[in-house]
PDB file of all heavy atoms in Angstrom:
ATOM      1  N   ARG A   1      -8.699 -70.280 -46.588  1.00  0.00           N
ATOM      2  CA  ARG A   1      -9.394 -70.722 -47.793  1.00  0.00           C
ATOM      3  C   ARG A   1     -10.446 -69.690 -48.214  1.00  0.00           C
ATOM      4  O   ARG A   1     -10.590 -69.383 -49.404  1.00  0.00           O
ATOM      5  CB  ARG A   1     -10.047 -72.083 -47.558  1.00  0.00           C
ATOM      6  CG  ARG A   1     -10.692 -72.654 -48.825  1.00  0.00           C
ATOM      7  CD  ARG A   1     -11.030 -74.129 -48.682  1.00  0.00           C
ATOM      8  NE  ARG A   1     -11.983 -74.369 -47.611  1.00  0.00           N
ATOM      9  CZ  ARG A   1     -11.709 -74.993 -46.471  1.00  0.00           C
ATOM     10  NH1 ARG A   1     -10.494 -75.453 -46.235  1.00  0.00           N
ATOM     11  NH2 ARG A   1     -12.648 -75.168 -45.548  1.00  0.00           N
ATOM     12  N   LEU A   2     -11.165 -69.128 -47.243  1.00  0.00           N
ATOM     13  CA  LEU A   2     -12.133 -68.074 -47.566  1.00  0.00           C
ATOM     14  C   LEU A   2     -11.434 -66.855 -48.174  1.00  0.00           C
ATOM     15  O   LEU A   2     -11.946 -66.239 -49.119  1.00  0.00           O
ATOM     16  CB  LEU A   2     -12.893 -67.647 -46.299  1.00  0.00           C
ATOM     17  CG  LEU A   2     -13.806 -68.672 -45.636  1.00  0.00           C
ATOM     18  CD1 LEU A   2     -14.504 -68.047 -44.433  1.00  0.00           C
ATOM     19  CD2 LEU A   2     -14.826 -69.251 -46.605  1.00  0.00           C
ATOM     20  N   ILE A   3     -10.267 -66.529 -47.631  1.00  0.00           N
ATOM     21  CA  ILE A   3      -9.512 -65.388 -48.157  1.00  0.00           C
ATOM     22  C   ILE A   3      -9.062 -65.661 -49.591  1.00  0.00           C
ATOM     23  O   ILE A   3      -9.167 -64.800 -50.472  1.00  0.00           O
ATOM     24  CB  ILE A   3      -8.318 -65.079 -47.237  1.00  0.00           C
ATOM     25  CG1 ILE A   3      -8.833 -64.491 -45.902  1.00  0.00           C
ATOM     26  CG2 ILE A   3      -7.348 -64.094 -47.905  1.00  0.00           C
ATOM     27  CD1 ILE A   3      -7.780 -64.356 -44.829  1.00  0.00           C
ATOM     28  N   ARG A   4      -8.565 -66.863 -49.852  1.00  0.00           N
ATOM     29  CA  ARG A   4      -8.132 -67.205 -51.209  1.00  0.00           C
ATOM     30  C   ARG A   4      -9.296 -67.165 -52.199  1.00  0.00           C
ATOM     31  O   ARG A   4      -9.126 -66.790 -53.367  1.00  0.00           O
ATOM     32  CB  ARG A   4      -7.486 -68.593 -51.234  1.00  0.00           C
ATOM     33  CG  ARG A   4      -6.121 -68.646 -50.570  1.00  0.00           C
ATOM     34  CD  ARG A   4      -5.394 -69.937 -50.899  1.00  0.00           C
ATOM     35  NE  ARG A   4      -6.117 -71.129 -50.443  1.00  0.00           N
ATOM     36  CZ  ARG A   4      -5.994 -71.674 -49.241  1.00  0.00           C
ATOM     37  NH1 ARG A   4      -5.170 -71.127 -48.349  1.00  0.00           N
ATOM     38  NH2 ARG A   4      -6.661 -72.771 -48.920  1.00  0.00           N
ATOM     39  N   ARG A   5     -10.480 -67.552 -51.729  1.00  0.00           N
ATOM     40  CA  ARG A   5     -11.667 -67.549 -52.601  1.00  0.00           C
ATOM     41  C   ARG A   5     -12.233 -66.145 -52.805  1.00  0.00           C
ATOM     42  O   ARG A   5     -13.084 -65.931 -53.668  1.00  0.00           O
ATOM     43  CB  ARG A   5     -12.753 -68.435 -51.997  1.00  0.00           C
ATOM     44  CG  ARG A   5     -12.437 -69.927 -52.042  1.00  0.00           C
ATOM     45  CD  ARG A   5     -13.533 -70.716 -51.342  1.00  0.00           C
ATOM     46  NE  ARG A   5     -13.303 -72.149 -51.425  1.00  0.00           N
ATOM     47  CZ  ARG A   5     -14.040 -73.059 -50.786  1.00  0.00           C
ATOM     48  NH1 ARG A   5     -15.059 -72.666 -50.031  1.00  0.00           N
ATOM     49  NH2 ARG A   5     -13.761 -74.346 -50.902  1.00  0.00           N
ATOM     50  N   GLY A   6     -11.800 -65.207 -52.005  1.00  0.00           N
ATOM     51  CA  GLY A   6     -12.290 -63.847 -52.127  1.00  0.00           C
ATOM     52  C   GLY A   6     -13.614 -63.592 -51.451  1.00  0.00           C
ATOM     53  O   GLY A   6     -14.259 -62.562 -51.697  1.00  0.00           O
ATOM     54  N   THR A   7     -14.035 -64.501 -50.574  1.00  0.00           N
ATOM     55  CA  THR A   7     -15.279 -64.289 -49.838  1.00  0.00           C
ATOM     56  C   THR A   7     -15.032 -63.679 -48.456  1.00  0.00           C
ATOM     57  O   THR A   7     -15.983 -63.386 -47.725  1.00  0.00           O
ATOM     58  CB  THR A   7     -16.049 -65.621 -49.679  1.00  0.00           C
ATOM     59  OG1 THR A   7     -15.211 -66.586 -49.041  1.00  0.00           O
ATOM     60  CG2 THR A   7     -16.469 -66.142 -51.039  1.00  0.00           C
ATOM     61  N   PHE A   8     -13.785 -63.502 -48.097  1.00  0.00           N
ATOM     62  CA  PHE A   8     -13.364 -62.857 -46.849  1.00  0.00           C
ATOM     63  C   PHE A   8     -12.176 -61.985 -47.242  1.00  0.00           C
ATOM     64  O   PHE A   8     -11.120 -62.498 -47.616  1.00  0.00           O
ATOM     65  CB  PHE A   8     -12.991 -63.926 -45.830  1.00  0.00           C
ATOM     66  CG  PHE A   8     -12.469 -63.435 -44.504  1.00  0.00           C
ATOM     67  CD1 PHE A   8     -12.603 -62.114 -44.098  1.00  0.00           C
ATOM     68  CD2 PHE A   8     -11.832 -64.314 -43.634  1.00  0.00           C
ATOM     69  CE1 PHE A   8     -12.124 -61.681 -42.873  1.00  0.00           C
ATOM     70  CE2 PHE A   8     -11.348 -63.906 -42.404  1.00  0.00           C
ATOM     71  CZ  PHE A   8     -11.490 -62.582 -42.026  1.00  0.00           C
ATOM     72  N   ILE A   9     -12.364 -60.668 -47.179  1.00  0.00           N
ATOM     73  CA  ILE A   9     -11.367 -59.744 -47.723  1.00  0.00           C
ATOM     74  C   ILE A   9     -10.847 -58.817 -46.631  1.00  0.00           C
ATOM     75  O   ILE A   9     -11.628 -58.083 -46.011  1.00  0.00           O
ATOM     76  CB  ILE A   9     -11.964 -58.909 -48.867  1.00  0.00           C
ATOM     77  CG1 ILE A   9     -12.472 -59.835 -49.984  1.00  0.00           C
ATOM     78  CG2 ILE A   9     -10.929 -57.923 -49.414  1.00  0.00           C
ATOM     79  CD1 ILE A   9     -13.269 -59.115 -51.059  1.00  0.00           C
ATOM     80  N   ILE A  10      -9.553 -58.870 -46.383  1.00  0.00           N
ATOM     81  CA  ILE A  10      -8.887 -57.914 -45.493  1.00  0.00           C
ATOM     82  C   ILE A  10      -8.090 -56.982 -46.386  1.00  0.00           C
ATOM     83  O   ILE A  10      -7.035 -57.356 -46.916  1.00  0.00           O
ATOM     84  CB  ILE A  10      -7.980 -58.622 -44.474  1.00  0.00           C
ATOM     85  CG1 ILE A  10      -8.798 -59.615 -43.647  1.00  0.00           C
ATOM     86  CG2 ILE A  10      -7.306 -57.590 -43.562  1.00  0.00           C
ATOM     87  CD1 ILE A  10      -7.961 -60.481 -42.724  1.00  0.00           C
ATOM     88  N   LYS A  11      -8.592 -55.798 -46.594  1.00  0.00           N
ATOM     89  CA  LYS A  11      -7.992 -54.856 -47.538  1.00  0.00           C
ATOM     90  C   LYS A  11      -6.728 -54.217 -46.979  1.00  0.00           C
ATOM     91  O   LYS A  11      -5.730 -54.064 -47.693  1.00  0.00           O
ATOM     92  CB  LYS A  11      -9.011 -53.769 -47.898  1.00  0.00           C
ATOM     93  CG  LYS A  11      -8.475 -52.702 -48.838  1.00  0.00           C
ATOM     94  CD  LYS A  11      -9.498 -51.602 -49.076  1.00  0.00           C
ATOM     95  CE  LYS A  11      -8.907 -50.498 -49.947  1.00  0.00           C
ATOM     96  NZ  LYS A  11      -9.880 -49.384 -50.143  1.00  0.00           N
ATOM     97  N   ASP A  12      -6.758 -53.836 -45.697  1.00  0.00           N
ATOM     98  CA  ASP A  12      -5.619 -53.096 -45.146  1.00  0.00           C
ATOM     99  C   ASP A  12      -5.589 -53.216 -43.634  1.00  0.00           C
ATOM    100  O   ASP A  12      -6.592 -53.572 -42.993  1.00  0.00           O
ATOM    101  CB  ASP A  12      -5.718 -51.618 -45.542  1.00  0.00           C
ATOM    102  CG  ASP A  12      -4.366 -50.913 -45.582  1.00  0.00           C
ATOM    103  OD1 ASP A  12      -3.349 -51.547 -45.198  1.00  0.00           O
ATOM    104  OD2 ASP A  12      -4.329 -49.751 -45.998  1.00  0.00           O
ATOM    105  N   ILE A  13      -4.427 -52.908 -43.076  1.00  0.00           N
ATOM    106  CA  ILE A  13      -4.220 -52.875 -41.618  1.00  0.00           C
ATOM    107  C   ILE A  13      -3.567 -51.544 -41.295  1.00  0.00           C
ATOM    108  O   ILE A  13      -2.559 -51.175 -41.907  1.00  0.00           O
ATOM    109  CB  ILE A  13      -3.315 -54.038 -41.159  1.00  0.00           C
ATOM    110  CG1 ILE A  13      -3.947 -55.384 -41.528  1.00  0.00           C
ATOM    111  CG2 ILE A  13      -3.060 -53.956 -39.655  1.00  0.00           C
ATOM    112  CD1 ILE A  13      -2.966 -56.544 -41.475  1.00  0.00           C
ATOM    113  N   LYS A  14      -4.135 -50.821 -40.360  1.00  0.00           N
ATOM    114  CA  LYS A  14      -3.636 -49.490 -40.009  1.00  0.00           C
ATOM    115  C   LYS A  14      -3.315 -49.423 -38.517  1.00  0.00           C
ATOM    116  O   LYS A  14      -4.029 -49.981 -37.692  1.00  0.00           O
ATOM    117  CB  LYS A  14      -4.697 -48.424 -40.326  1.00  0.00           C
ATOM    118  CG  LYS A  14      -5.170 -48.390 -41.772  1.00  0.00           C
ATOM    119  CD  LYS A  14      -4.191 -47.670 -42.661  1.00  0.00           C
ATOM    120  CE  LYS A  14      -4.809 -47.402 -44.026  1.00  0.00           C
ATOM    121  NZ  LYS A  14      -3.881 -46.689 -44.927  1.00  0.00           N
ATOM    122  N   GLY A  15      -2.257 -48.717 -38.178  1.00  0.00           N
ATOM    123  CA  GLY A  15      -1.956 -48.415 -36.779  1.00  0.00           C
ATOM    124  C   GLY A  15      -1.318 -49.537 -35.997  1.00  0.00           C
ATOM    125  O   GLY A  15      -1.453 -49.581 -34.767  1.00  0.00           O
ATOM    126  N   LEU A  16      -0.581 -50.432 -36.654  1.00  0.00           N
ATOM    127  CA  LEU A  16       0.085 -51.516 -35.916  1.00  0.00           C
ATOM    128  C   LEU A  16       1.036 -50.980 -34.858  1.00  0.00           C
ATOM    129  O   LEU A  16       1.270 -51.630 -33.845  1.00  0.00           O
ATOM    130  CB  LEU A  16       0.838 -52.436 -36.882  1.00  0.00           C
ATOM    131  CG  LEU A  16       0.049 -53.602 -37.477  1.00  0.00           C
ATOM    132  CD1 LEU A  16       0.900 -54.357 -38.487  1.00  0.00           C
ATOM    133  CD2 LEU A  16      -0.451 -54.543 -36.392  1.00  0.00           C
ATOM    134  N   GLU A  17       1.570 -49.799 -35.101  1.00  0.00           N
ATOM    135  CA  GLU A  17       2.466 -49.215 -34.102  1.00  0.00           C
ATOM    136  C   GLU A  17       1.736 -48.953 -32.785  1.00  0.00           C
ATOM    137  O   GLU A  17       2.347 -49.003 -31.702  1.00  0.00           O
ATOM    138  CB  GLU A  17       3.103 -47.922 -34.627  1.00  0.00           C
ATOM    139  CG  GLU A  17       2.176 -46.733 -34.791  1.00  0.00           C
ATOM    140  CD  GLU A  17       1.344 -46.761 -36.082  1.00  0.00           C
ATOM    141  OE1 GLU A  17       1.437 -47.751 -36.831  1.00  0.00           O
ATOM    142  OE2 GLU A  17       0.595 -45.789 -36.315  1.00  0.00           O
ATOM    143  N   ASN A  18       0.445 -48.689 -32.849  1.00  0.00           N
ATOM    144  CA  ASN A  18      -0.340 -48.491 -31.630  1.00  0.00           C
ATOM    145  C   ASN A  18      -0.492 -49.806 -30.865  1.00  0.00           C
ATOM    146  O   ASN A  18      -0.364 -49.839 -29.637  1.00  0.00           O
ATOM    147  CB  ASN A  18      -1.715 -47.923 -31.981  1.00  0.00           C
ATOM    148  CG  ASN A  18      -1.641 -46.525 -32.537  1.00  0.00           C
ATOM    149  OD1 ASN A  18      -0.866 -45.696 -32.058  1.00  0.00           O
ATOM    150  ND2 ASN A  18      -2.435 -46.240 -33.550  1.00  0.00           N
ATOM    151  N   TYR A  19      -0.782 -50.877 -31.597  1.00  0.00           N
ATOM    152  CA  TYR A  19      -0.855 -52.190 -30.951  1.00  0.00           C
ATOM    153  C   TYR A  19       0.489 -52.549 -30.321  1.00  0.00           C
ATOM    154  O   TYR A  19       0.541 -53.015 -29.178  1.00  0.00           O
ATOM    155  CB  TYR A  19      -1.264 -53.246 -31.980  1.00  0.00           C
ATOM    156  CG  TYR A  19      -1.003 -54.648 -31.485  1.00  0.00           C
ATOM    157  CD1 TYR A  19      -1.816 -55.228 -30.515  1.00  0.00           C
ATOM    158  CD2 TYR A  19       0.105 -55.360 -31.936  1.00  0.00           C
ATOM    159  CE1 TYR A  19      -1.550 -56.491 -30.025  1.00  0.00           C
ATOM    160  CE2 TYR A  19       0.375 -56.623 -31.450  1.00  0.00           C
ATOM    161  CZ  TYR A  19      -0.452 -57.191 -30.497  1.00  0.00           C
ATOM    162  OH  TYR A  19      -0.177 -58.431 -30.003  1.00  0.00           O
ATOM    163  N   ARG A  20       1.576 -52.332 -31.033  1.00  0.00           N
ATOM    164  CA  ARG A  20       2.893 -52.721 -30.557  1.00  0.00           C
ATOM    165  C   ARG A  20       3.380 -51.860 -29.399  1.00  0.00           C
ATOM    166  O   ARG A  20       4.288 -52.256 -28.661  1.00  0.00           O
ATOM    167  CB  ARG A  20       3.888 -52.677 -31.717  1.00  0.00           C
ATOM    168  CG  ARG A  20       3.634 -53.787 -32.732  1.00  0.00           C
ATOM    169  CD  ARG A  20       4.409 -53.605 -34.009  1.00  0.00           C
ATOM    170  NE  ARG A  20       4.165 -54.731 -34.913  1.00  0.00           N
ATOM    171  CZ  ARG A  20       4.363 -54.698 -36.223  1.00  0.00           C
ATOM    172  NH1 ARG A  20       4.810 -53.581 -36.811  1.00  0.00           N
ATOM    173  NH2 ARG A  20       4.113 -55.773 -36.967  1.00  0.00           N
ATOM    174  N   ALA A  21       2.772 -50.690 -29.226  1.00  0.00           N
ATOM    175  CA  ALA A  21       3.156 -49.821 -28.099  1.00  0.00           C
ATOM    176  C   ALA A  21       2.707 -50.394 -26.764  1.00  0.00           C
ATOM    177  O   ALA A  21       3.257 -50.036 -25.717  1.00  0.00           O
ATOM    178  CB  ALA A  21       2.560 -48.429 -28.292  1.00  0.00           C
ATOM    179  N   ALA A  22       1.716 -51.278 -26.782  1.00  0.00           N
ATOM    180  CA  ALA A  22       1.211 -51.885 -25.545  1.00  0.00           C
ATOM    181  C   ALA A  22       2.019 -53.147 -25.251  1.00  0.00           C
ATOM    182  O   ALA A  22       1.716 -54.229 -25.765  1.00  0.00           O
ATOM    183  CB  ALA A  22      -0.272 -52.218 -25.681  1.00  0.00           C
ATOM    184  N   LYS A  23       3.047 -53.002 -24.460  1.00  0.00           N
ATOM    185  CA  LYS A  23       3.901 -54.138 -24.135  1.00  0.00           C
ATOM    186  C   LYS A  23       3.229 -55.000 -23.068  1.00  0.00           C
ATOM    187  O   LYS A  23       2.573 -54.503 -22.157  1.00  0.00           O
ATOM    188  CB  LYS A  23       5.256 -53.654 -23.621  1.00  0.00           C
ATOM    189  CG  LYS A  23       5.967 -52.647 -24.522  1.00  0.00           C
ATOM    190  CD  LYS A  23       6.295 -53.235 -25.884  1.00  0.00           C
ATOM    191  CE  LYS A  23       7.072 -52.249 -26.745  1.00  0.00           C
ATOM    192  NZ  LYS A  23       7.352 -52.783 -28.091  1.00  0.00           N
ATOM    193  N   GLY A  24       3.420 -56.296 -23.158  1.00  0.00           N
ATOM    194  CA  GLY A  24       2.860 -57.195 -22.147  1.00  0.00           C
ATOM    195  C   GLY A  24       1.371 -57.389 -22.322  1.00  0.00           C
ATOM    196  O   GLY A  24       0.814 -57.271 -23.412  1.00  0.00           O
ATOM    197  N   GLY A  25       0.701 -57.687 -21.221  1.00  0.00           N
ATOM    198  CA  GLY A  25      -0.723 -57.970 -21.268  1.00  0.00           C
ATOM    199  C   GLY A  25      -1.543 -56.768 -21.680  1.00  0.00           C
ATOM    200  O   GLY A  25      -1.207 -55.626 -21.348  1.00  0.00           O
ATOM    201  N   ALA A  26      -2.629 -57.024 -22.405  1.00  0.00           N
ATOM    202  CA  ALA A  26      -3.525 -55.947 -22.834  1.00  0.00           C
ATOM    203  C   ALA A  26      -4.869 -56.533 -23.219  1.00  0.00           C
ATOM    204  O   ALA A  26      -4.971 -57.691 -23.633  1.00  0.00           O
ATOM    205  CB  ALA A  26      -2.934 -55.169 -24.005  1.00  0.00           C
ATOM    206  N   VAL A  27      -5.890 -55.727 -23.101  1.00  0.00           N
ATOM    207  CA  VAL A  27      -7.226 -56.058 -23.589  1.00  0.00           C
ATOM    208  C   VAL A  27      -7.415 -55.341 -24.919  1.00  0.00           C
ATOM    209  O   VAL A  27      -7.238 -54.122 -24.997  1.00  0.00           O
ATOM    210  CB  VAL A  27      -8.319 -55.626 -22.600  1.00  0.00           C
ATOM    211  CG1 VAL A  27      -9.703 -55.802 -23.209  1.00  0.00           C
ATOM    212  CG2 VAL A  27      -8.209 -56.418 -21.298  1.00  0.00           C
ATOM    213  N   ILE A  28      -7.723 -56.091 -25.963  1.00  0.00           N
ATOM    214  CA  ILE A  28      -8.027 -55.507 -27.266  1.00  0.00           C
ATOM    215  C   ILE A  28      -9.540 -55.462 -27.402  1.00  0.00           C
ATOM    216  O   ILE A  28     -10.217 -56.473 -27.228  1.00  0.00           O
ATOM    217  CB  ILE A  28      -7.428 -56.336 -28.413  1.00  0.00           C
ATOM    218  CG1 ILE A  28      -5.903 -56.429 -28.276  1.00  0.00           C
ATOM    219  CG2 ILE A  28      -7.802 -55.736 -29.768  1.00  0.00           C
ATOM    220  CD1 ILE A  28      -5.254 -57.376 -29.268  1.00  0.00           C
ATOM    221  N   THR A  29     -10.078 -54.301 -27.689  1.00  0.00           N
ATOM    222  CA  THR A  29     -11.516 -54.174 -27.917  1.00  0.00           C
ATOM    223  C   THR A  29     -11.766 -54.035 -29.411  1.00  0.00           C
ATOM    224  O   THR A  29     -10.956 -53.466 -30.137  1.00  0.00           O
ATOM    225  CB  THR A  29     -12.098 -52.952 -27.188  1.00  0.00           C
ATOM    226  OG1 THR A  29     -11.434 -51.761 -27.644  1.00  0.00           O
ATOM    227  CG2 THR A  29     -11.928 -53.090 -25.683  1.00  0.00           C
ATOM    228  N   CYS A  30     -12.888 -54.555 -29.889  1.00  0.00           N
ATOM    229  CA  CYS A  30     -13.202 -54.463 -31.314  1.00  0.00           C
ATOM    230  C   CYS A  30     -14.710 -54.441 -31.511  1.00  0.00           C
ATOM    231  O   CYS A  30     -15.449 -55.027 -30.720  1.00  0.00           O
ATOM    232  CB  CYS A  30     -12.589 -55.649 -32.071  1.00  0.00           C
ATOM    233  SG  CYS A  30     -12.712 -55.523 -33.877  1.00  0.00           S
ATOM    234  N   ASN A  31     -15.146 -53.757 -32.556  1.00  0.00           N
ATOM    235  CA  ASN A  31     -16.566 -53.830 -32.933  1.00  0.00           C
ATOM    236  C   ASN A  31     -16.866 -55.219 -33.472  1.00  0.00           C
ATOM    237  O   ASN A  31     -15.999 -55.893 -34.036  1.00  0.00           O
ATOM    238  CB  ASN A  31     -16.915 -52.731 -33.941  1.00  0.00           C
ATOM    239  CG  ASN A  31     -16.010 -52.718 -35.173  1.00  0.00           C
ATOM    240  OD1 ASN A  31     -14.808 -52.964 -35.098  1.00  0.00           O
ATOM    241  ND2 ASN A  31     -16.582 -52.406 -36.320  1.00  0.00           N
TER     242      ASN A  31
END
């Protein structure tokens, strides 16, 4: 609902191939 209202905007996603290269369990770190 926030996304539809435009108050939460995800403009783009980059590097999904890097995420998909990690098969099985993994720790994702993020700021």
